[in-house]
């Protein structure tokens, strides 16, 4: 018999913001419709704008129909789900505004509580302090923090200190939605449940690793946020670092939260610190100019706002990272991310070394290195590129590369979203796919060194045309090492 689903009160601060209506609420709807969320649970959205209950439901219904895939909004399902929805009007910075929330939550004082902070991280301290002063934090309370938390190590620590002042570390869930993707979790399954890969996963057999997160879109109305953070803070310090950790970490003793995170911290602390000359040579920061996207002209970064902008914020980063430990010494990790690239995709390439000696004709020139290709979006897949004989009766053995599809066909009509996985884990108190404080600190320490050098040395951004794969210097970055970016 399956264990009973816990009844939980979920409070979404910033409950009418873009993230809440586009990702969080649809994820909760899907969990509810799959009977993974107890129907007695309550979902409480906070709003700074006065709203009636009927207006709140009308907005949520409209947004769900807009953001759910076709066919997944069912009127009868919505009617049942809507009974769980509540709205509290409050200014999150004013403790006295929390009284209506206090009255609602105290109807069930022993119920599990999830406080989801879908706001700017600058408000995290105010919200947590107000929850504490309102006596709304119990032994059953948890808090979810959306990235990025701060814009450097110091600001992260200042914000996190305010959170840890009222919540235990075990009750804090720092979210990175990339870790909720099925294929990202499949990296753990692939690495630690298949003896085939275990002896090969090191510098003896792996030549290098590439991690690319390419975005086709521009700013999508986020100019105010993005110009403050840029690609290094927005993508590299969190998403790409997490993917690097999952590839490079040693096997944990178990898949509980601390065991996995202990190994990720070891990787982050083993990242080689670069000197200013090395940063100049091993990093590229770019900014897109006007170009073409799917046959239409698109503006450059500086023209995305209502007024022309003067900014050197990077929209593209490519860099080489090195891990100084016994397993990965000498294996470069090439990271790349950018906006306004030709297409949206995220992938990890594990490129193995070539055979030491070819027994085939032409001196083995036709032999290509094996590659493990892990695609995260838009489609999720894992393939292994190997060499195989060309069929036929021609003289000798001719080779060609082929791809082995390592995916299991899905019977489900829909792949669960990353937010479904992560919210369910919060409800079930599973912290494996969330970041611990020392993990975030270690990532910031490494990223800050690069960011500070860029600023102090006034390293200019390299411009690239929208619709291309970044500045030409990013190609030179990897080609100097005798390698090239994997592009299909």
Protein backbone atom coordinates (compact mmCIF):
# COMPACT_ATOMS: atom_id res chain seq x y z
CA UNK A 1 0.00 0.00 0.00
CA UNK A 2 1.36 3.42 -0.96
CA UNK A 3 2.00 5.78 1.97
CA UNK A 4 -0.61 8.46 2.56
CA UNK A 5 0.11 11.76 0.87
CA UNK A 6 1.04 14.50 3.34
CA UNK A 7 -1.36 17.38 3.60
CA UNK A 8 0.55 20.60 3.08
CA UNK A 9 -0.03 24.34 3.00
CA UNK A 10 2.04 25.90 0.21
CA UNK A 11 2.50 29.67 0.43
CA UNK A 12 3.82 31.22 -2.79
CA UNK A 13 5.30 34.65 -2.12
CA UNK A 14 5.16 36.56 -5.39
CA UNK A 15 2.30 34.29 -6.32
CA UNK A 16 1.19 36.39 -9.30
CA UNK A 17 4.67 36.89 -10.74
CA UNK A 18 5.87 35.42 -14.01
CA UNK A 19 7.64 32.41 -12.50
CA UNK A 20 4.71 31.55 -10.27
CA UNK A 21 2.06 31.55 -13.00
CA UNK A 22 4.30 30.12 -15.75
CA UNK A 23 6.08 27.31 -13.87
CA UNK A 24 5.03 26.82 -10.25
CA UNK A 25 1.24 26.82 -10.56
CA UNK A 26 1.18 24.52 -13.64
CA UNK A 27 3.48 22.11 -11.78
CA UNK A 28 1.13 22.08 -8.79
CA UNK A 29 -1.85 21.53 -11.10
CA UNK A 30 -0.15 18.50 -12.68
CA UNK A 31 0.80 17.06 -9.27
CA UNK A 32 -2.79 17.52 -8.13
CA UNK A 33 -4.27 15.92 -11.27
CA UNK A 34 -1.93 12.92 -10.88
CA UNK A 35 -2.97 12.46 -7.23
CA UNK A 36 0.54 13.35 -6.05
CA UNK A 37 -0.71 16.34 -4.08
CA UNK A 38 -3.19 15.71 -1.28
CA UNK A 39 -6.54 17.23 -2.20
CA UNK A 40 -6.85 18.69 1.30
CA UNK A 41 -3.73 20.77 0.71
CA UNK A 42 -3.97 24.53 0.28
CA UNK A 43 -2.08 26.70 -2.21
CA UNK A 44 -1.89 30.27 -0.94
CA UNK A 45 -0.65 32.96 -3.33
CA UNK A 46 0.39 36.34 -2.00
CA UNK A 47 -0.38 39.45 -4.01
CA UNK A 48 0.73 43.04 -3.55
CA UNK A 49 -2.30 44.17 -5.58
CA UNK A 50 -5.74 43.98 -3.91
CA UNK A 51 -7.71 41.07 -5.40
CA UNK A 52 -10.94 39.33 -4.56
CA UNK A 53 -11.02 35.54 -4.35
CA UNK A 54 -12.97 35.41 -7.61
CA UNK A 55 -10.44 37.64 -9.37
CA UNK A 56 -7.59 35.46 -8.14
CA UNK A 57 -9.27 32.31 -9.48
CA UNK A 58 -10.00 34.00 -12.79
CA UNK A 59 -6.33 34.97 -13.21
CA UNK A 60 -5.08 31.49 -12.27
CA UNK A 61 -7.53 29.80 -14.63
CA UNK A 62 -6.46 32.05 -17.50
CA UNK A 63 -2.74 31.51 -16.81
CA UNK A 64 -3.09 27.74 -16.51
CA UNK A 65 -4.90 27.55 -19.85
CA UNK A 66 -2.13 29.68 -21.33
CA UNK A 67 0.84 27.74 -19.95
CA UNK A 68 -0.36 24.13 -19.81
CA UNK A 69 0.22 22.00 -22.88
CA UNK A 70 -2.75 21.56 -25.18
CA UNK A 71 -5.23 19.07 -23.82
CA UNK A 72 -4.02 19.11 -20.21
CA UNK A 73 -6.37 21.78 -18.91
CA UNK A 74 -9.54 19.89 -17.99
CA UNK A 75 -12.49 21.89 -16.71
CA UNK A 76 -13.61 19.30 -14.17
CA UNK A 77 -10.03 18.97 -12.90
CA UNK A 78 -9.76 22.75 -12.60
CA UNK A 79 -12.94 22.94 -10.52
CA UNK A 80 -11.50 20.52 -7.96
CA UNK A 81 -8.06 22.16 -8.04
CA UNK A 82 -9.54 25.65 -7.62
CA UNK A 83 -10.96 24.61 -4.25
CA UNK A 84 -7.34 24.46 -3.00
CA UNK A 85 -6.49 27.99 -4.09
CA UNK A 86 -6.38 31.00 -1.79
CA UNK A 87 -5.02 34.53 -2.10
CA UNK A 88 -3.65 36.81 0.61
CA UNK A 89 -3.00 40.48 -0.14
CA UNK A 90 0.12 41.71 1.63
CA UNK A 91 3.29 43.74 1.35
CA UNK A 92 5.94 41.11 2.06
CA UNK A 93 8.16 43.71 3.78
CA UNK A 94 5.50 44.70 6.35
CA UNK A 95 5.07 42.24 9.21
CA UNK A 96 1.68 43.70 10.19
CA UNK A 97 0.33 42.63 6.77
CA UNK A 98 0.89 38.98 7.67
CA UNK A 99 -2.08 38.79 10.06
CA UNK A 100 -4.53 37.35 7.46
CA UNK A 101 -1.91 34.75 6.50
CA UNK A 102 -1.40 33.99 10.17
CA UNK A 103 -5.14 33.45 10.66
CA UNK A 104 -5.35 31.14 7.64
CA UNK A 105 -2.32 29.00 8.47
CA UNK A 106 -3.19 28.71 12.15
CA UNK A 107 -6.39 26.88 11.23
CA UNK A 108 -4.08 23.85 10.90
CA UNK A 109 -1.07 24.58 13.14
CA UNK A 110 0.44 21.07 12.85
CA UNK A 111 0.21 20.87 9.06
CA UNK A 112 3.36 20.82 6.92
CA UNK A 113 4.13 24.27 5.49
CA UNK A 114 6.13 25.09 2.37
CA UNK A 115 7.06 28.76 1.96
CA UNK A 116 8.00 29.24 -1.69
CA UNK A 117 9.89 32.53 -2.17
CA UNK A 118 9.25 33.33 -5.84
CA UNK A 119 10.51 36.89 -5.44
CA UNK A 120 13.72 38.83 -5.85
CA UNK A 121 16.34 37.47 -3.46
CA UNK A 122 16.60 40.98 -1.98
CA UNK A 123 13.24 40.26 -0.29
CA UNK A 124 14.17 36.86 1.17
CA UNK A 125 15.39 38.34 4.46
CA UNK A 126 12.28 40.49 4.96
CA UNK A 127 9.95 37.56 4.25
CA UNK A 128 11.75 35.15 6.58
CA UNK A 129 11.96 37.74 9.36
CA UNK A 130 8.25 38.53 9.02
CA UNK A 131 7.36 34.83 9.10
CA UNK A 132 9.41 34.48 12.28
CA UNK A 133 7.94 37.54 13.98
CA UNK A 134 4.44 36.36 13.03
CA UNK A 135 5.20 32.98 14.64
CA UNK A 136 4.50 31.21 11.33
CA UNK A 137 7.62 29.04 11.35
CA UNK A 138 7.03 25.68 12.99
CA UNK A 139 8.96 22.42 13.13
CA UNK A 140 6.96 21.43 10.04
CA UNK A 141 7.97 24.49 8.00
CA UNK A 142 10.26 24.56 4.98
CA UNK A 143 11.41 27.36 2.70
CA UNK A 144 12.21 27.25 -1.03
CA UNK A 145 14.62 29.85 -2.42
CA UNK A 146 14.77 30.63 -6.13
CA UNK A 147 18.13 31.40 -7.75
CA UNK A 148 20.07 33.55 -8.12
CA UNK A 149 20.59 34.32 -4.44
CA UNK A 150 22.60 37.53 -4.44
CA UNK A 151 24.99 38.69 -7.14
CA UNK A 152 28.29 37.64 -5.54
CA UNK A 153 29.62 35.71 -2.53
CA UNK A 154 29.19 38.56 -0.08
CA UNK A 155 25.59 39.36 -1.04
CA UNK A 156 24.71 35.65 -1.04
CA UNK A 157 26.06 35.26 2.48
CA UNK A 158 24.23 38.36 3.71
CA UNK A 159 20.91 37.13 2.32
CA UNK A 160 21.43 33.54 3.41
CA UNK A 161 22.38 34.64 6.92
CA UNK A 162 18.94 36.21 7.24
CA UNK A 163 17.29 32.97 6.10
CA UNK A 164 19.39 30.67 8.31
CA UNK A 165 18.69 32.92 11.29
CA UNK A 166 15.13 31.56 11.36
CA UNK A 167 15.26 28.30 9.35
CA UNK A 168 17.47 25.27 9.98
CA UNK A 169 19.70 24.28 7.04
CA UNK A 170 17.71 21.04 6.71
CA UNK A 171 14.54 23.08 6.09
CA UNK A 172 16.07 25.26 3.34
CA UNK A 173 15.67 24.19 -0.29
CA UNK A 174 17.77 26.29 -2.68
CA UNK A 175 16.34 25.44 -6.06
CA UNK A 176 18.01 25.07 -9.45
CA UNK A 177 15.36 23.85 -11.86
CA UNK A 178 17.95 22.18 -14.11
CA UNK A 179 18.42 19.54 -11.42
CA UNK A 180 14.75 18.59 -11.74
CA UNK A 181 15.06 17.52 -15.37
CA UNK A 182 14.72 13.78 -15.91
CA UNK A 183 17.83 13.59 -18.07
CA UNK A 184 19.93 15.42 -15.48
CA UNK A 185 18.87 12.87 -12.86
CA UNK A 186 19.56 10.18 -15.43
CA UNK A 187 23.23 11.22 -15.30
CA UNK A 188 23.34 9.75 -11.80
CA UNK A 189 21.65 6.55 -13.00
CA UNK A 190 23.94 6.29 -16.01
CA UNK A 191 27.11 6.81 -14.01
CA UNK A 192 26.41 4.85 -10.86
CA UNK A 193 24.30 1.90 -12.01
CA UNK A 194 26.20 0.84 -15.14
CA UNK A 195 29.54 -0.88 -14.63
CA UNK A 196 30.33 -0.19 -18.30
CA UNK A 197 31.09 3.48 -17.59
CA UNK A 198 32.63 3.27 -14.12
CA UNK A 199 36.22 2.37 -15.18
CA UNK A 200 36.12 4.82 -18.11
CA UNK A 201 34.99 7.90 -16.17
CA UNK A 202 38.37 9.55 -15.62
CA UNK A 203 41.33 11.24 -17.29
CA UNK A 204 42.70 7.95 -18.63
CA UNK A 205 39.84 7.59 -21.11
CA UNK A 206 38.05 10.95 -21.33
CA UNK A 207 39.65 13.64 -23.49
CA UNK A 208 37.41 16.55 -22.57
CA UNK A 209 33.87 17.57 -21.60
CA UNK A 210 31.66 20.22 -23.21
CA UNK A 211 28.60 21.76 -21.57
CA UNK A 212 26.48 24.09 -23.73
CA UNK A 213 23.29 25.90 -22.76
CA UNK A 214 22.17 27.92 -25.80
CA UNK A 215 19.15 30.23 -25.78
CA UNK A 216 17.45 31.44 -28.93
CA UNK A 217 15.58 34.23 -27.16
CA UNK A 218 16.80 37.61 -26.03
CA UNK A 219 15.77 39.32 -22.79
CA UNK A 220 11.99 38.74 -22.93
CA UNK A 221 11.28 41.88 -20.92
CA UNK A 222 13.89 41.11 -18.23
CA UNK A 223 16.31 43.93 -19.08
CA UNK A 224 16.28 45.40 -15.56
CA UNK A 225 17.19 42.06 -14.01
CA UNK A 226 19.55 40.81 -16.68
CA UNK A 227 21.66 43.95 -16.98
CA UNK A 228 22.51 43.61 -13.29
CA UNK A 229 23.44 39.92 -13.47
CA UNK A 230 24.61 38.90 -16.94
CA UNK A 231 25.27 35.40 -18.25
CA UNK A 232 28.02 34.55 -15.75
CA UNK A 233 25.80 35.09 -12.71
CA UNK A 234 22.53 34.04 -14.35
CA UNK A 235 23.72 30.78 -15.93
CA UNK A 236 27.34 29.75 -15.33
CA UNK A 237 27.53 30.15 -11.55
CA UNK A 238 24.51 27.91 -11.01
CA UNK A 239 23.13 25.87 -13.93
CA UNK A 240 26.41 25.05 -15.68
CA UNK A 241 28.29 24.53 -12.41
CA UNK A 242 25.66 22.04 -11.27
CA UNK A 243 25.94 20.09 -14.52
CA UNK A 244 29.74 20.08 -14.20
CA UNK A 245 29.44 18.72 -10.66
CA UNK A 246 27.16 15.85 -11.69
CA UNK A 247 29.61 14.82 -14.40
CA UNK A 248 32.75 15.16 -12.25
CA UNK A 249 31.63 14.08 -8.78
CA UNK A 250 32.83 10.84 -7.21
CA UNK A 251 30.25 8.15 -6.37
CA UNK A 252 28.35 9.16 -3.21
CA UNK A 253 27.87 6.64 -0.42
CA UNK A 254 24.12 6.89 -1.03
CA UNK A 255 21.62 9.12 -2.82
CA UNK A 256 20.56 11.00 0.28
CA UNK A 257 20.85 14.77 0.21
CA UNK A 258 24.07 15.26 2.14
CA UNK A 259 25.98 12.39 0.50
CA UNK A 260 25.38 13.77 -3.00
CA UNK A 261 26.05 17.36 -1.99
CA UNK A 262 29.26 16.44 -0.15
CA UNK A 263 30.67 15.09 -3.42
CA UNK A 264 29.56 18.13 -5.41
CA UNK A 265 31.26 20.46 -2.93
CA UNK A 266 34.52 18.52 -3.35
CA UNK A 267 34.37 19.16 -7.10
CA UNK A 268 33.70 22.87 -6.68
CA UNK A 269 36.56 23.23 -4.23
CA UNK A 270 38.87 21.42 -6.68
CA UNK A 271 38.22 23.89 -9.50
CA UNK A 272 41.51 25.49 -10.44
CA UNK A 273 41.68 29.17 -9.56
CA UNK A 274 42.77 31.19 -12.57
CA UNK A 275 45.20 34.10 -12.52
CA UNK A 276 44.23 37.31 -14.39
CA UNK A 277 46.34 36.34 -17.45
CA UNK A 278 44.69 32.89 -17.48
CA UNK A 279 41.24 34.45 -17.20
CA UNK A 280 42.04 36.64 -20.19
CA UNK A 281 43.10 33.57 -22.17
CA UNK A 282 40.56 31.00 -20.95
CA UNK A 283 37.34 33.03 -20.80
CA UNK A 284 35.32 34.88 -23.42
CA UNK A 285 32.48 37.27 -22.63
CA UNK A 286 30.24 38.40 -25.44
CA UNK A 287 27.24 40.61 -26.15
CA UNK A 288 24.87 40.19 -29.07
CA UNK A 289 24.26 42.81 -31.70
CA UNK A 290 21.35 43.08 -34.11
CA UNK A 291 20.91 40.09 -36.39
CA UNK A 292 18.44 37.56 -37.75
CA UNK A 293 16.31 35.01 -35.93
CA UNK A 294 14.21 32.58 -37.97
CA UNK A 295 14.25 34.97 -40.90
CA UNK A 296 13.26 38.03 -38.89
CA UNK A 297 15.53 40.86 -37.78
CA UNK A 298 16.05 41.19 -34.01
CA UNK A 299 17.60 44.09 -32.09
CA UNK A 300 20.96 44.04 -30.37
CA UNK A 301 21.24 43.90 -26.58
CA UNK A 302 21.76 47.66 -26.26
CA UNK A 303 18.51 48.31 -28.15
CA UNK A 304 16.28 45.90 -26.19
CA UNK A 305 14.93 48.61 -23.87
CA UNK A 306 12.73 51.61 -24.50
CA UNK A 307 15.85 53.80 -24.55
CA UNK A 308 19.27 52.93 -26.01
CA UNK A 309 21.42 51.31 -23.33
CA UNK A 310 25.08 51.81 -22.47
CA UNK A 311 26.24 48.55 -20.92
CA UNK A 312 29.00 45.97 -21.09
CA UNK A 313 26.89 43.22 -19.48
CA UNK A 314 27.72 39.90 -21.08
CA UNK A 315 25.00 37.86 -22.80
CA UNK A 316 27.47 35.10 -23.72
CA UNK A 317 30.20 33.27 -21.82
CA UNK A 318 32.60 30.57 -22.97
CA UNK A 319 35.37 29.33 -20.72
CA UNK A 320 37.69 26.47 -19.91
CA UNK A 321 37.52 25.05 -16.38
CA UNK A 322 40.04 22.60 -14.93
CA UNK A 323 39.57 20.31 -11.95
CA UNK A 324 42.69 19.60 -9.95
CA UNK A 325 42.18 16.14 -8.53
CA UNK A 326 43.40 12.63 -9.39
CA UNK A 327 40.35 11.77 -11.45
CA UNK A 328 40.16 14.83 -13.72
CA UNK A 329 43.64 16.33 -13.85
CA UNK A 330 44.34 17.21 -17.50
CA UNK A 331 40.71 16.95 -18.67
CA UNK A 332 39.39 20.39 -19.69
CA UNK A 333 35.72 21.24 -19.15
CA UNK A 334 34.51 23.71 -21.78
CA UNK A 335 31.42 25.67 -20.73
CA UNK A 336 29.37 27.82 -23.08
CA UNK A 337 26.10 29.70 -22.75
CA UNK A 338 24.52 32.61 -24.56
CA UNK A 339 21.40 34.39 -25.73
CA UNK A 340 20.26 34.98 -29.32
CA UNK A 341 22.02 31.86 -30.56
CA UNK A 342 20.74 29.99 -33.66
CA UNK A 343 18.62 27.55 -31.66
CA UNK A 344 17.65 26.62 -28.13
CA UNK A 345 19.42 23.56 -26.83
CA UNK A 346 21.32 22.27 -23.81
CA UNK A 347 23.71 19.35 -24.00
CA UNK A 348 26.68 17.71 -22.36
CA UNK A 349 29.33 16.05 -24.52
CA UNK A 350 31.67 13.50 -22.96
CA UNK A 351 34.37 12.98 -25.58
CA UNK A 352 36.52 9.92 -25.05
CA UNK A 353 40.09 9.55 -26.23
CA UNK A 354 40.84 7.84 -29.51
CA UNK A 355 42.16 4.30 -29.79
CA UNK A 356 45.94 4.13 -29.16
CA UNK A 357 46.58 2.28 -32.43
CA UNK A 358 44.39 1.64 -35.47
CA UNK A 359 44.37 -1.76 -37.15
CA UNK A 360 42.18 -0.44 -39.95
CA UNK A 361 43.27 0.99 -43.34
CA UNK A 362 44.26 4.65 -43.85
CA UNK A 363 46.10 4.76 -40.57
CA UNK A 364 42.92 5.07 -38.57
CA UNK A 365 42.09 8.52 -39.93
CA UNK A 366 38.49 7.44 -40.37
CA UNK A 367 38.15 6.53 -36.71
CA UNK A 368 36.28 9.17 -34.73
CA UNK A 369 36.39 9.43 -30.97
CA UNK A 370 33.47 7.96 -29.05
CA UNK A 371 31.10 10.54 -27.60
CA UNK A 372 28.42 10.29 -24.96
CA UNK A 373 25.84 12.95 -25.85
CA UNK A 374 23.42 13.98 -23.11
CA UNK A 375 20.71 16.33 -24.43
CA UNK A 376 18.69 18.24 -21.86
CA UNK A 377 16.48 20.42 -24.06
CA UNK A 378 14.42 20.88 -26.12
CA UNK A 379 14.25 17.07 -26.26
CA UNK A 380 15.79 14.97 -23.50
CA UNK A 381 17.94 12.08 -24.70
CA UNK A 382 21.17 10.15 -24.19
CA UNK A 383 23.10 8.71 -27.13
CA UNK A 384 26.48 7.06 -27.50
CA UNK A 385 28.44 7.69 -30.69
CA UNK A 386 30.55 4.67 -31.67
CA UNK A 387 32.30 3.33 -34.76
CA UNK A 388 30.73 0.52 -36.80
CA UNK A 389 31.47 -1.33 -40.03
CA UNK A 390 29.81 -0.12 -43.22
CA UNK A 391 27.64 -3.02 -44.51
CA UNK A 392 28.55 -4.53 -47.87
CA UNK A 393 30.98 -6.73 -49.77
CA UNK A 394 33.58 -4.12 -50.64
CA UNK A 395 37.17 -5.10 -49.98
CA UNK A 396 38.39 -4.45 -46.48
CA UNK A 397 36.57 -3.03 -43.51
CA UNK A 398 35.23 0.49 -43.85
CA UNK A 399 34.04 2.30 -40.74
CA UNK A 400 31.38 4.87 -40.03
CA UNK A 401 30.14 6.55 -36.86
CA UNK A 402 26.72 5.50 -35.59
CA UNK A 403 24.69 6.55 -32.57
CA UNK A 404 23.27 4.15 -30.01
CA UNK A 405 20.03 5.47 -28.56
CA UNK A 406 20.10 4.82 -24.80
CA UNK A 407 16.58 6.06 -24.15
CA UNK A 408 13.64 4.02 -22.95
CA UNK A 409 10.46 4.85 -24.92
CA UNK A 410 7.99 6.76 -22.79
CA UNK A 411 4.47 5.41 -22.49
CA UNK A 412 3.32 8.62 -20.81
CA UNK A 413 1.90 11.31 -23.12
CA UNK A 414 3.78 13.96 -21.15
CA UNK A 415 7.19 14.24 -19.51
CA UNK A 416 6.92 15.75 -16.02
CA UNK A 417 8.44 19.21 -15.73
CA UNK A 418 11.47 19.95 -13.58
CA UNK A 419 9.31 21.96 -11.19
CA UNK A 420 6.98 19.02 -10.61
CA UNK A 421 9.91 16.85 -9.55
CA UNK A 422 11.41 19.51 -7.30
CA UNK A 423 8.18 20.63 -5.63
CA UNK A 424 7.30 16.99 -4.95
CA UNK A 425 10.73 16.52 -3.37
CA UNK A 426 10.17 19.54 -1.12
CA UNK A 427 6.82 18.14 -0.01
CA UNK A 428 8.50 14.78 0.71
CA UNK A 429 11.50 16.43 2.47
CA UNK A 430 14.04 15.09 -0.03
CA UNK A 431 16.91 17.57 -0.42
CA UNK A 432 19.06 15.54 -2.86
CA UNK A 433 18.40 17.79 -5.86
CA UNK A 434 18.80 21.05 -3.96
CA UNK A 435 21.88 23.10 -3.13
CA UNK A 436 23.45 23.37 0.29
CA UNK A 437 24.95 26.64 1.54
CA UNK A 438 28.59 25.56 1.28
CA UNK A 439 27.91 24.38 -2.28
CA UNK A 440 26.59 27.78 -3.37
CA UNK A 441 29.46 29.51 -1.57
CA UNK A 442 32.07 27.40 -3.36
CA UNK A 443 30.48 28.19 -6.74
CA UNK A 444 30.47 31.91 -5.94
CA UNK A 445 34.12 31.85 -4.81
CA UNK A 446 35.16 30.48 -8.20
CA UNK A 447 32.85 32.73 -10.23
CA UNK A 448 33.76 35.87 -8.28
CA UNK A 449 37.43 35.50 -9.23
CA UNK A 450 36.49 35.71 -12.90
CA UNK A 451 33.93 38.49 -12.44
CA UNK A 452 36.32 40.64 -10.42
CA UNK A 453 39.10 40.21 -12.98
CA UNK A 454 36.75 41.16 -15.81
CA UNK A 455 35.86 44.32 -13.92
CA UNK A 456 39.33 45.27 -12.66
CA UNK A 457 41.07 44.60 -15.97
CA UNK A 458 38.19 46.10 -17.96
CA UNK A 459 38.10 43.02 -20.17
CA UNK A 460 35.83 44.15 -23.02
CA UNK A 461 32.86 42.16 -24.26
CA UNK A 462 33.31 40.64 -27.70
CA UNK A 463 30.34 41.36 -29.94
CA UNK A 464 28.56 38.70 -31.94
CA UNK A 465 25.66 38.87 -34.34
CA UNK A 466 22.32 37.58 -33.10
CA UNK A 467 21.64 34.21 -34.70
CA UNK A 468 25.25 33.01 -34.43
CA UNK A 469 27.10 30.81 -31.94
CA UNK A 470 28.88 33.66 -30.18
CA UNK A 471 32.08 35.62 -30.76
CA UNK A 472 34.76 34.09 -32.98
CA UNK A 473 37.10 34.23 -29.99
CA UNK A 474 34.99 31.48 -28.36
CA UNK A 475 35.90 29.23 -31.29
CA UNK A 476 39.57 30.13 -30.86
CA UNK A 477 39.29 29.34 -27.14
CA UNK A 478 38.73 25.63 -27.77
CA UNK A 479 40.65 25.35 -31.05
CA UNK A 480 43.84 26.51 -29.33
CA UNK A 481 43.68 23.18 -27.50
CA UNK A 482 43.22 21.24 -30.75
CA UNK A 483 39.50 20.67 -30.17
CA UNK A 484 36.23 22.07 -31.52
CA UNK A 485 32.71 22.74 -30.28
CA UNK A 486 30.20 19.98 -30.95
CA UNK A 487 27.54 21.36 -33.28
CA UNK A 488 25.03 19.39 -35.31
